[in-house]
Every structure is written in structure tokens, then in C-alpha cells.
Amino acid sequence: MTEFRFILFASASLLACTGFGRAGEAWERIAPYFSPPEAFQDDFGDFPSPLKFADGSEVKSAEDWAKRREEIRTQWHELMGPWPEVITEPEVEVLKTERREDF
């Protein structure tokens, strides 16, 4: 849902910035960017499907997906290492303060 809101916001911003008086004109201008170019329409590359386990069997249920998700996570951690701990209290050092106008 957040991605949809961003697209909606970006579209509205485009309308405001480009000075289009009618939404139809704006849509005609941005519509081509909502689908891939014809040359790549059915080309999904040689990427492995995330819906297949490492042994080649397919994910067929929510339970399977939970297992596959853990498999992906394990592979990721083997390649990149574990995710670092979240910094909840970062150390901040103010290098310079300058008062400008009213802010």
C-alpha cells in the first residue's frame, strides 16, 4: 500500500510541477512508464524463481513460503553475513550551528 501511495504522490507532484491543466494530458505523458518496453515485455531474465526451493521443488502453500523465506534468509546471511544490530541511540556530534533568518 505504501508503494501505491508513493506512486499516487509522485503522479500528483508531476501534475503540479509540469503545469498540466488536465489530468488526461499528464496521464498520456507518464503512461508509457507504467509498463516495460515492448522488447522486454515477456523477458524475465535468467533469474531463479523465488517460488522454488534450492532443491528445485515449488512453493505451494503459505507454510512452504515460510520455509522458502527462511532458506533465502539463510543463503543471504551466508553470503553477506548477519544483519547488524539496529542503532537505537546514535552518537551525534554538532559540528557547526548557524542561525539564518527565522528558522
PDB file of N, CA and C in Angstrom:
ATOM      1  N   MET A   1       0.819  -1.193   0.000  1.00  0.00           N
ATOM      2  CA  MET A   1       0.000   0.000   0.000  1.00  0.00           C
ATOM      3  C   MET A   1       0.859   1.251   0.000  1.00  0.00           C
ATOM      4  N   THR A   2       1.992   1.223   0.702  1.00  0.00           N
ATOM      5  CA  THR A   2       2.868   2.384   0.753  1.00  0.00           C
ATOM      6  C   THR A   2       3.395   2.720  -0.634  1.00  0.00           C
ATOM      7  N   GLU A   3       3.746   1.683  -1.418  1.00  0.00           N
ATOM      8  CA  GLU A   3       4.260   1.912  -2.763  1.00  0.00           C
ATOM      9  C   GLU A   3       3.199   2.598  -3.622  1.00  0.00           C
ATOM     10  N   PHE A   4       1.938   2.184  -3.481  1.00  0.00           N
ATOM     11  CA  PHE A   4       0.851   2.801  -4.233  1.00  0.00           C
ATOM     12  C   PHE A   4       0.714   4.272  -3.858  1.00  0.00           C
ATOM     13  N   ARG A   5       0.803   4.569  -2.552  1.00  0.00           N
ATOM     14  CA  ARG A   5       0.690   5.959  -2.104  1.00  0.00           C
ATOM     15  C   ARG A   5       1.823   6.795  -2.681  1.00  0.00           C
ATOM     16  N   PHE A   6       3.024   6.216  -2.750  1.00  0.00           N
ATOM     17  CA  PHE A   6       4.151   6.940  -3.315  1.00  0.00           C
ATOM     18  C   PHE A   6       3.899   7.240  -4.788  1.00  0.00           C
ATOM     19  N   ILE A   7       3.417   6.241  -5.530  1.00  0.00           N
ATOM     20  CA  ILE A   7       3.131   6.446  -6.954  1.00  0.00           C
ATOM     21  C   ILE A   7       2.072   7.520  -7.126  1.00  0.00           C
ATOM     22  N   LEU A   8       1.044   7.476  -6.292  1.00  0.00           N
ATOM     23  CA  LEU A   8      -0.014   8.478  -6.347  1.00  0.00           C
ATOM     24  C   LEU A   8       0.553   9.858  -6.054  1.00  0.00           C
ATOM     25  N   PHE A   9       1.392   9.961  -5.018  1.00  0.00           N
ATOM     26  CA  PHE A   9       2.013  11.233  -4.660  1.00  0.00           C
ATOM     27  C   PHE A   9       2.904  11.729  -5.795  1.00  0.00           C
ATOM     28  N   ALA A  10       3.712  10.815  -6.356  1.00  0.00           N
ATOM     29  CA  ALA A  10       4.619  11.200  -7.437  1.00  0.00           C
ATOM     30  C   ALA A  10       3.840  11.680  -8.655  1.00  0.00           C
ATOM     31  N   SER A  11       2.739  11.017  -8.954  1.00  0.00           N
ATOM     32  CA  SER A  11       1.915  11.430 -10.094  1.00  0.00           C
ATOM     33  C   SER A  11       1.311  12.806  -9.857  1.00  0.00           C
ATOM     34  N   ALA A  12       0.807  13.025  -8.639  1.00  0.00           N
ATOM     35  CA  ALA A  12       0.218  14.329  -8.309  1.00  0.00           C
ATOM     36  C   ALA A  12       1.282  15.417  -8.367  1.00  0.00           C
ATOM     37  N   SER A  13       2.485  15.098  -7.885  1.00  0.00           N
ATOM     38  CA  SER A  13       3.580  16.061  -7.919  1.00  0.00           C
ATOM     39  C   SER A  13       3.953  16.393  -9.361  1.00  0.00           C
ATOM     40  N   LEU A  14       3.952  15.382 -10.206  1.00  0.00           N
ATOM     41  CA  LEU A  14       4.261  15.596 -11.613  1.00  0.00           C
ATOM     42  C   LEU A  14       3.247  16.545 -12.234  1.00  0.00           C
ATOM     43  N   LEU A  15       1.986  16.337 -11.915  1.00  0.00           N
ATOM     44  CA  LEU A  15       0.948  17.223 -12.433  1.00  0.00           C
ATOM     45  C   LEU A  15       1.175  18.658 -11.989  1.00  0.00           C
ATOM     46  N   ALA A  16       1.492  18.827 -10.716  1.00  0.00           N
ATOM     47  CA  ALA A  16       1.689  20.165 -10.177  1.00  0.00           C
ATOM     48  C   ALA A  16       2.920  20.839 -10.783  1.00  0.00           C
ATOM     49  N   CYS A  17       3.999  20.089 -10.935  1.00  0.00           N
ATOM     50  CA  CYS A  17       5.255  20.658 -11.416  1.00  0.00           C
ATOM     51  C   CYS A  17       5.254  20.951 -12.908  1.00  0.00           C
ATOM     52  N   THR A  18       4.546  20.163 -13.676  1.00  0.00           N
ATOM     53  CA  THR A  18       4.583  20.344 -15.126  1.00  0.00           C
ATOM     54  C   THR A  18       3.561  21.351 -15.618  1.00  0.00           C
ATOM     55  N   GLY A  19       2.652  21.763 -14.750  1.00  0.00           N
ATOM     56  CA  GLY A  19       1.679  22.767 -15.136  1.00  0.00           C
ATOM     57  C   GLY A  19       0.574  22.241 -16.031  1.00  0.00           C
ATOM     58  N   PHE A  20       0.366  20.932 -16.062  1.00  0.00           N
ATOM     59  CA  PHE A  20      -0.711  20.389 -16.870  1.00  0.00           C
ATOM     60  C   PHE A  20      -2.045  20.827 -16.294  1.00  0.00           C
ATOM     61  N   GLY A  21      -2.894  21.339 -17.138  1.00  0.00           N
ATOM     62  CA  GLY A  21      -4.204  21.774 -16.675  1.00  0.00           C
ATOM     63  C   GLY A  21      -5.183  20.608 -16.593  1.00  0.00           C
ATOM     64  N   ARG A  22      -4.971  19.611 -17.411  1.00  0.00           N
ATOM     65  CA  ARG A  22      -5.893  18.474 -17.428  1.00  0.00           C
ATOM     66  C   ARG A  22      -5.146  17.207 -17.060  1.00  0.00           C
ATOM     67  N   ALA A  23      -5.793  16.378 -16.267  1.00  0.00           N
ATOM     68  CA  ALA A  23      -5.171  15.115 -15.844  1.00  0.00           C
ATOM     69  C   ALA A  23      -4.917  14.209 -17.041  1.00  0.00           C
ATOM     70  N   GLY A  24      -5.785  14.273 -18.049  1.00  0.00           N
ATOM     71  CA  GLY A  24      -5.619  13.438 -19.238  1.00  0.00           C
ATOM     72  C   GLY A  24      -4.299  13.677 -19.937  1.00  0.00           C
ATOM     73  N   GLU A  25      -3.914  14.925 -20.037  1.00  0.00           N
ATOM     74  CA  GLU A  25      -2.637  15.259 -20.678  1.00  0.00           C
ATOM     75  C   GLU A  25      -1.474  14.664 -19.903  1.00  0.00           C
ATOM     76  N   ALA A  26      -1.534  14.795 -18.591  1.00  0.00           N
ATOM     77  CA  ALA A  26      -0.455  14.271 -17.753  1.00  0.00           C
ATOM     78  C   ALA A  26      -0.389  12.761 -17.873  1.00  0.00           C
ATOM     79  N   TRP A  27      -1.540  12.116 -17.811  1.00  0.00           N
ATOM     80  CA  TRP A  27      -1.545  10.653 -17.891  1.00  0.00           C
ATOM     81  C   TRP A  27      -0.964  10.182 -19.216  1.00  0.00           C
ATOM     82  N   GLU A  28      -1.310  10.831 -20.302  1.00  0.00           N
ATOM     83  CA  GLU A  28      -0.768  10.449 -21.604  1.00  0.00           C
ATOM     84  C   GLU A  28       0.760  10.545 -21.607  1.00  0.00           C
ATOM     85  N   ARG A  29       1.269  11.511 -20.876  1.00  0.00           N
ATOM     86  CA  ARG A  29       2.718  11.700 -20.848  1.00  0.00           C
ATOM     87  C   ARG A  29       3.428  10.641 -19.993  1.00  0.00           C
ATOM     88  N   ILE A  30       2.822  10.235 -18.870  1.00  0.00           N
ATOM     89  CA  ILE A  30       3.506   9.291 -17.981  1.00  0.00           C
ATOM     90  C   ILE A  30       3.095   7.834 -18.188  1.00  0.00           C
ATOM     91  N   ALA A  31       2.009   7.573 -18.897  1.00  0.00           N
ATOM     92  CA  ALA A  31       1.501   6.212 -19.089  1.00  0.00           C
ATOM     93  C   ALA A  31       2.548   5.231 -19.624  1.00  0.00           C
ATOM     94  N   PRO A  32       3.407   5.614 -20.570  1.00  0.00           N
ATOM     95  CA  PRO A  32       4.382   4.653 -21.091  1.00  0.00           C
ATOM     96  C   PRO A  32       5.343   4.110 -20.036  1.00  0.00           C
ATOM     97  N   TYR A  33       5.509   4.814 -18.931  1.00  0.00           N
ATOM     98  CA  TYR A  33       6.459   4.393 -17.908  1.00  0.00           C
ATOM     99  C   TYR A  33       5.861   3.395 -16.917  1.00  0.00           C
ATOM    100  N   PHE A  34       4.605   3.026 -17.096  1.00  0.00           N
ATOM    101  CA  PHE A  34       3.956   2.079 -16.196  1.00  0.00           C
ATOM    102  C   PHE A  34       4.017   0.642 -16.715  1.00  0.00           C
ATOM    103  N   SER A  35       4.647   0.422 -17.844  1.00  0.00           N
ATOM    104  CA  SER A  35       4.825  -0.933 -18.364  1.00  0.00           C
ATOM    105  C   SER A  35       6.192  -1.004 -19.051  1.00  0.00           C
ATOM    106  N   PRO A  36       6.768  -2.218 -19.131  1.00  0.00           N
ATOM    107  CA  PRO A  36       8.104  -2.333 -19.722  1.00  0.00           C
ATOM    108  C   PRO A  36       8.073  -2.097 -21.235  1.00  0.00           C
ATOM    109  N   PRO A  37       9.213  -1.718 -21.805  1.00  0.00           N
ATOM    110  CA  PRO A  37       9.291  -1.559 -23.258  1.00  0.00           C
ATOM    111  C   PRO A  37       8.931  -2.880 -23.946  1.00  0.00           C
ATOM    112  N   GLU A  38       8.408  -2.794 -25.139  1.00  0.00           N
ATOM    113  CA  GLU A  38       7.948  -3.976 -25.874  1.00  0.00           C
ATOM    114  C   GLU A  38       9.030  -5.047 -25.984  1.00  0.00           C
ATOM    115  N   ALA A  39      10.284  -4.644 -26.147  1.00  0.00           N
ATOM    116  CA  ALA A  39      11.385  -5.606 -26.288  1.00  0.00           C
ATOM    117  C   ALA A  39      11.562  -6.464 -25.038  1.00  0.00           C
ATOM    118  N   PHE A  40      11.137  -5.959 -23.885  1.00  0.00           N
ATOM    119  CA  PHE A  40      11.311  -6.684 -22.628  1.00  0.00           C
ATOM    120  C   PHE A  40       9.995  -7.180 -22.037  1.00  0.00           C
ATOM    121  N   GLN A  41       8.921  -7.094 -22.785  1.00  0.00           N
ATOM    122  CA  GLN A  41       7.582  -7.423 -22.292  1.00  0.00           C
ATOM    123  C   GLN A  41       7.501  -8.816 -21.651  1.00  0.00           C
ATOM    124  N   ASP A  42       8.054  -9.820 -22.313  1.00  0.00           N
ATOM    125  CA  ASP A  42       7.976 -11.188 -21.795  1.00  0.00           C
ATOM    126  C   ASP A  42       9.345 -11.747 -21.426  1.00  0.00           C
ATOM    127  N   ASP A  43      10.331 -10.881 -21.289  1.00  0.00           N
ATOM    128  CA  ASP A  43      11.685 -11.313 -20.940  1.00  0.00           C
ATOM    129  C   ASP A  43      11.908 -11.078 -19.456  1.00  0.00           C
ATOM    130  N   PHE A  44      11.920 -12.161 -18.676  1.00  0.00           N
ATOM    131  CA  PHE A  44      12.090 -12.049 -17.240  1.00  0.00           C
ATOM    132  C   PHE A  44      13.519 -12.378 -16.814  1.00  0.00           C
ATOM    133  N   GLY A  45      14.409 -12.542 -17.777  1.00  0.00           N
ATOM    134  CA  GLY A  45      15.811 -12.811 -17.474  1.00  0.00           C
ATOM    135  C   GLY A  45      16.033 -14.248 -17.043  1.00  0.00           C
ATOM    136  N   ASP A  46      17.257 -14.540 -16.678  1.00  0.00           N
ATOM    137  CA  ASP A  46      17.642 -15.889 -16.258  1.00  0.00           C
ATOM    138  C   ASP A  46      17.699 -16.008 -14.737  1.00  0.00           C
ATOM    139  N   PHE A  47      16.890 -15.228 -14.055  1.00  0.00           N
ATOM    140  CA  PHE A  47      16.903 -15.222 -12.600  1.00  0.00           C
ATOM    141  C   PHE A  47      16.141 -16.419 -12.055  1.00  0.00           C
ATOM    142  N   PRO A  48      16.637 -16.998 -10.970  1.00  0.00           N
ATOM    143  CA  PRO A  48      15.899 -18.117 -10.374  1.00  0.00           C
ATOM    144  C   PRO A  48      14.614 -17.614  -9.729  1.00  0.00           C
ATOM    145  N   SER A  49      13.581 -18.423  -9.782  1.00  0.00           N
ATOM    146  CA  SER A  49      12.307 -18.046  -9.192  1.00  0.00           C
ATOM    147  C   SER A  49      12.393 -18.077  -7.672  1.00  0.00           C
ATOM    148  N   PRO A  50      11.896 -17.050  -6.998  1.00  0.00           N
ATOM    149  CA  PRO A  50      11.872 -17.095  -5.529  1.00  0.00           C
ATOM    150  C   PRO A  50      10.856 -18.116  -5.019  1.00  0.00           C
ATOM    151  N   LEU A  51      10.006 -18.621  -5.913  1.00  0.00           N
ATOM    152  CA  LEU A  51       8.992 -19.595  -5.524  1.00  0.00           C
ATOM    153  C   LEU A  51       9.449 -21.033  -5.762  1.00  0.00           C
ATOM    154  N   LYS A  52      10.762 -21.228  -5.861  1.00  0.00           N
ATOM    155  CA  LYS A  52      11.329 -22.574  -5.963  1.00  0.00           C
ATOM    156  C   LYS A  52      12.412 -22.725  -4.904  1.00  0.00           C
ATOM    157  N   PHE A  53      12.336 -23.839  -4.187  1.00  0.00           N
ATOM    158  CA  PHE A  53      13.359 -24.140  -3.184  1.00  0.00           C
ATOM    159  C   PHE A  53      14.690 -24.410  -3.876  1.00  0.00           C
ATOM    160  N   ALA A  54      15.775 -24.391  -3.131  1.00  0.00           N
ATOM    161  CA  ALA A  54      17.107 -24.649  -3.684  1.00  0.00           C
ATOM    162  C   ALA A  54      17.182 -26.019  -4.354  1.00  0.00           C
ATOM    163  N   ASP A  55      16.369 -26.983  -3.881  1.00  0.00           N
ATOM    164  CA  ASP A  55      16.375 -28.321  -4.485  1.00  0.00           C
ATOM    165  C   ASP A  55      15.496 -28.407  -5.737  1.00  0.00           C
ATOM    166  N   GLY A  56      14.841 -27.296  -6.121  1.00  0.00           N
ATOM    167  CA  GLY A  56      14.021 -27.262  -7.324  1.00  0.00           C
ATOM    168  C   GLY A  56      12.537 -27.469  -7.091  1.00  0.00           C
ATOM    169  N   SER A  57      12.139 -27.921  -5.901  1.00  0.00           N
ATOM    170  CA  SER A  57      10.706 -28.114  -5.637  1.00  0.00           C
ATOM    171  C   SER A  57      10.016 -26.755  -5.491  1.00  0.00           C
ATOM    172  N   GLU A  58       8.704 -26.726  -5.785  1.00  0.00           N
ATOM    173  CA  GLU A  58       7.967 -25.470  -5.810  1.00  0.00           C
ATOM    174  C   GLU A  58       7.287 -25.158  -4.488  1.00  0.00           C
ATOM    175  N   VAL A  59       7.156 -23.866  -4.227  1.00  0.00           N
ATOM    176  CA  VAL A  59       6.397 -23.383  -3.075  1.00  0.00           C
ATOM    177  C   VAL A  59       4.924 -23.472  -3.451  1.00  0.00           C
ATOM    178  N   LYS A  60       4.133 -24.180  -2.641  1.00  0.00           N
ATOM    179  CA  LYS A  60       2.722 -24.385  -2.984  1.00  0.00           C
ATOM    180  C   LYS A  60       1.757 -23.903  -1.912  1.00  0.00           C
ATOM    181  N   SER A  61       2.271 -23.453  -0.761  1.00  0.00           N
ATOM    182  CA  SER A  61       1.376 -23.023   0.321  1.00  0.00           C
ATOM    183  C   SER A  61       2.062 -21.942   1.145  1.00  0.00           C
ATOM    184  N   ALA A  62       1.297 -21.348   2.043  1.00  0.00           N
ATOM    185  CA  ALA A  62       1.855 -20.332   2.939  1.00  0.00           C
ATOM    186  C   ALA A  62       2.938 -20.939   3.826  1.00  0.00           C
ATOM    187  N   GLU A  63       2.731 -22.174   4.253  1.00  0.00           N
ATOM    188  CA  GLU A  63       3.738 -22.841   5.079  1.00  0.00           C
ATOM    189  C   GLU A  63       5.032 -23.057   4.286  1.00  0.00           C
ATOM    190  N   ASP A  64       4.867 -23.446   3.007  1.00  0.00           N
ATOM    191  CA  ASP A  64       6.045 -23.610   2.143  1.00  0.00           C
ATOM    192  C   ASP A  64       6.788 -22.280   1.999  1.00  0.00           C
ATOM    193  N   TRP A  65       6.015 -21.199   1.845  1.00  0.00           N
ATOM    194  CA  TRP A  65       6.647 -19.895   1.669  1.00  0.00           C
ATOM    195  C   TRP A  65       7.451 -19.508   2.911  1.00  0.00           C
ATOM    196  N   ALA A  66       6.934 -19.809   4.100  1.00  0.00           N
ATOM    197  CA  ALA A  66       7.675 -19.514   5.331  1.00  0.00           C
ATOM    198  C   ALA A  66       9.013 -20.257   5.326  1.00  0.00           C
ATOM    199  N   LYS A  67       8.992 -21.508   4.862  1.00  0.00           N
ATOM    200  CA  LYS A  67      10.234 -22.294   4.790  1.00  0.00           C
ATOM    201  C   LYS A  67      11.177 -21.722   3.729  1.00  0.00           C
ATOM    202  N   ARG A  68      10.607 -21.353   2.577  1.00  0.00           N
ATOM    203  CA  ARG A  68      11.428 -20.797   1.492  1.00  0.00           C
ATOM    204  C   ARG A  68      12.028 -19.461   1.917  1.00  0.00           C
ATOM    205  N   ARG A  69      11.243 -18.663   2.603  1.00  0.00           N
ATOM    206  CA  ARG A  69      11.717 -17.366   3.090  1.00  0.00           C
ATOM    207  C   ARG A  69      12.920 -17.560   4.018  1.00  0.00           C
ATOM    208  N   GLU A  70      12.832 -18.529   4.901  1.00  0.00           N
ATOM    209  CA  GLU A  70      13.946 -18.821   5.808  1.00  0.00           C
ATOM    210  C   GLU A  70      15.157 -19.328   5.028  1.00  0.00           C
ATOM    211  N   GLU A  71      14.913 -20.118   3.973  1.00  0.00           N
ATOM    212  CA  GLU A  71      16.006 -20.606   3.133  1.00  0.00           C
ATOM    213  C   GLU A  71      16.721 -19.436   2.456  1.00  0.00           C
ATOM    214  N   ILE A  72      15.942 -18.487   1.935  1.00  0.00           N
ATOM    215  CA  ILE A  72      16.515 -17.299   1.283  1.00  0.00           C
ATOM    216  C   ILE A  72      17.328 -16.501   2.296  1.00  0.00           C
ATOM    217  N   ARG A  73      16.756 -16.330   3.486  1.00  0.00           N
ATOM    218  CA  ARG A  73      17.439 -15.571   4.542  1.00  0.00           C
ATOM    219  C   ARG A  73      18.764 -16.243   4.935  1.00  0.00           C
ATOM    220  N   THR A  74      18.751 -17.554   5.073  1.00  0.00           N
ATOM    221  CA  THR A  74      19.969 -18.296   5.427  1.00  0.00           C
ATOM    222  C   THR A  74      21.030 -18.118   4.349  1.00  0.00           C
ATOM    223  N   GLN A  75      20.626 -18.233   3.079  1.00  0.00           N
ATOM    224  CA  GLN A  75      21.572 -18.052   1.971  1.00  0.00           C
ATOM    225  C   GLN A  75      22.147 -16.634   1.981  1.00  0.00           C
ATOM    226  N   TRP A  76      21.271 -15.659   2.245  1.00  0.00           N
ATOM    227  CA  TRP A  76      21.702 -14.255   2.283  1.00  0.00           C
ATOM    228  C   TRP A  76      22.750 -14.059   3.385  1.00  0.00           C
ATOM    229  N   HIS A  77      22.480 -14.614   4.571  1.00  0.00           N
ATOM    230  CA  HIS A  77      23.413 -14.460   5.683  1.00  0.00           C
ATOM    231  C   HIS A  77      24.735 -15.173   5.410  1.00  0.00           C
ATOM    232  N   GLU A  78      24.695 -16.290   4.689  1.00  0.00           N
ATOM    233  CA  GLU A  78      25.936 -16.969   4.318  1.00  0.00           C
ATOM    234  C   GLU A  78      26.773 -16.104   3.379  1.00  0.00           C
ATOM    235  N   LEU A  79      26.107 -15.393   2.476  1.00  0.00           N
ATOM    236  CA  LEU A  79      26.809 -14.549   1.510  1.00  0.00           C
ATOM    237  C   LEU A  79      27.262 -13.219   2.101  1.00  0.00           C
ATOM    238  N   MET A  80      26.362 -12.556   2.842  1.00  0.00           N
ATOM    239  CA  MET A  80      26.607 -11.190   3.291  1.00  0.00           C
ATOM    240  C   MET A  80      26.918 -11.055   4.774  1.00  0.00           C
ATOM    241  N   GLY A  81      26.681 -12.111   5.532  1.00  0.00           N
ATOM    242  CA  GLY A  81      26.829 -12.010   6.980  1.00  0.00           C
ATOM    243  C   GLY A  81      25.504 -11.575   7.587  1.00  0.00           C
ATOM    244  N   PRO A  82      25.358 -11.724   8.889  1.00  0.00           N
ATOM    245  CA  PRO A  82      24.092 -11.350   9.515  1.00  0.00           C
ATOM    246  C   PRO A  82      23.862  -9.840   9.496  1.00  0.00           C
ATOM    247  N   TRP A  83      22.604  -9.461   9.570  1.00  0.00           N
ATOM    248  CA  TRP A  83      22.224  -8.053   9.594  1.00  0.00           C
ATOM    249  C   TRP A  83      22.735  -7.432  10.891  1.00  0.00           C
ATOM    250  N   PRO A  84      23.335  -6.237  10.839  1.00  0.00           N
ATOM    251  CA  PRO A  84      23.846  -5.631  12.070  1.00  0.00           C
ATOM    252  C   PRO A  84      22.715  -5.191  13.000  1.00  0.00           C
ATOM    253  N   GLU A  85      23.040  -5.055  14.265  1.00  0.00           N
ATOM    254  CA  GLU A  85      22.052  -4.590  15.239  1.00  0.00           C
ATOM    255  C   GLU A  85      21.616  -3.171  14.897  1.00  0.00           C
ATOM    256  N   VAL A  86      20.374  -2.849  15.188  1.00  0.00           N
ATOM    257  CA  VAL A  86      19.844  -1.509  14.953  1.00  0.00           C
ATOM    258  C   VAL A  86      20.453  -0.554  15.975  1.00  0.00           C
ATOM    259  N   ILE A  87      20.909   0.601  15.503  1.00  0.00           N
ATOM    260  CA  ILE A  87      21.470   1.605  16.409  1.00  0.00           C
ATOM    261  C   ILE A  87      20.299   2.430  16.941  1.00  0.00           C
ATOM    262  N   THR A  88      19.963   2.235  18.208  1.00  0.00           N
ATOM    263  CA  THR A  88      18.805   2.925  18.787  1.00  0.00           C
ATOM    264  C   THR A  88      19.172   4.278  19.382  1.00  0.00           C
ATOM    265  N   GLU A  89      20.430   4.436  19.794  1.00  0.00           N
ATOM    266  CA  GLU A  89      20.874   5.709  20.362  1.00  0.00           C
ATOM    267  C   GLU A  89      22.190   6.118  19.689  1.00  0.00           C
ATOM    268  N   PRO A  90      22.082   6.676  18.463  1.00  0.00           N
ATOM    269  CA  PRO A  90      23.300   7.036  17.740  1.00  0.00           C
ATOM    270  C   PRO A  90      24.035   8.187  18.427  1.00  0.00           C
ATOM    271  N   GLU A  91      25.346   8.203  18.290  1.00  0.00           N
ATOM    272  CA  GLU A  91      26.141   9.307  18.806  1.00  0.00           C
ATOM    273  C   GLU A  91      26.116  10.428  17.770  1.00  0.00           C
ATOM    274  N   VAL A  92      25.698  11.608  18.191  1.00  0.00           N
ATOM    275  CA  VAL A  92      25.584  12.745  17.284  1.00  0.00           C
ATOM    276  C   VAL A  92      26.511  13.849  17.774  1.00  0.00           C
ATOM    277  N   GLU A  93      27.280  14.406  16.856  1.00  0.00           N
ATOM    278  CA  GLU A  93      28.192  15.496  17.191  1.00  0.00           C
ATOM    279  C   GLU A  93      27.841  16.688  16.311  1.00  0.00           C
ATOM    280  N   VAL A  94      27.468  17.807  16.922  1.00  0.00           N
ATOM    281  CA  VAL A  94      27.152  19.025  16.182  1.00  0.00           C
ATOM    282  C   VAL A  94      28.469  19.693  15.811  1.00  0.00           C
ATOM    283  N   LEU A  95      28.720  19.835  14.538  1.00  0.00           N
ATOM    284  CA  LEU A  95      29.971  20.407  14.072  1.00  0.00           C
ATOM    285  C   LEU A  95      29.897  21.919  13.931  1.00  0.00           C
ATOM    286  N   LYS A  96      28.696  22.436  13.601  1.00  0.00           N
ATOM    287  CA  LYS A  96      28.565  23.867  13.387  1.00  0.00           C
ATOM    288  C   LYS A  96      27.095  24.244  13.528  1.00  0.00           C
ATOM    289  N   THR A  97      26.831  25.391  14.107  1.00  0.00           N
ATOM    290  CA  THR A  97      25.481  25.921  14.209  1.00  0.00           C
ATOM    291  C   THR A  97      25.482  27.317  13.616  1.00  0.00           C
ATOM    292  N   GLU A  98      24.518  27.593  12.745  1.00  0.00           N
ATOM    293  CA  GLU A  98      24.429  28.913  12.127  1.00  0.00           C
ATOM    294  C   GLU A  98      22.971  29.323  12.061  1.00  0.00           C
ATOM    295  N   ARG A  99      22.668  30.460  12.632  1.00  0.00           N
ATOM    296  CA  ARG A  99      21.279  30.949  12.630  1.00  0.00           C
ATOM    297  C   ARG A  99      21.046  31.723  11.348  1.00  0.00           C
ATOM    298  N   ARG A 100      19.963  31.357  10.633  1.00  0.00           N
ATOM    299  CA  ARG A 100      19.635  32.016   9.370  1.00  0.00           C
ATOM    300  C   ARG A 100      18.190  32.427   9.384  1.00  0.00           C
ATOM    301  N   GLU A 101      17.927  33.663   9.099  1.00  0.00           N
ATOM    302  CA  GLU A 101      16.570  34.209   9.015  1.00  0.00           C
ATOM    303  C   GLU A 101      15.747  33.778  10.205  1.00  0.00           C
ATOM    304  N   ASP A 102      14.560  33.222   9.965  1.00  0.00           N
ATOM    305  CA  ASP A 102      13.658  32.866  11.052  1.00  0.00           C
ATOM    306  C   ASP A 102      13.551  31.371  11.271  1.00  0.00           C
ATOM    307  N   PHE A 103      14.543  30.636  10.868  1.00  0.00           N
ATOM    308  CA  PHE A 103      14.492  29.195  11.118  1.00  0.00           C
ATOM    309  C   PHE A 103      15.843  28.665  11.528  1.00  0.00           C
TER     310      PHE A 103
END
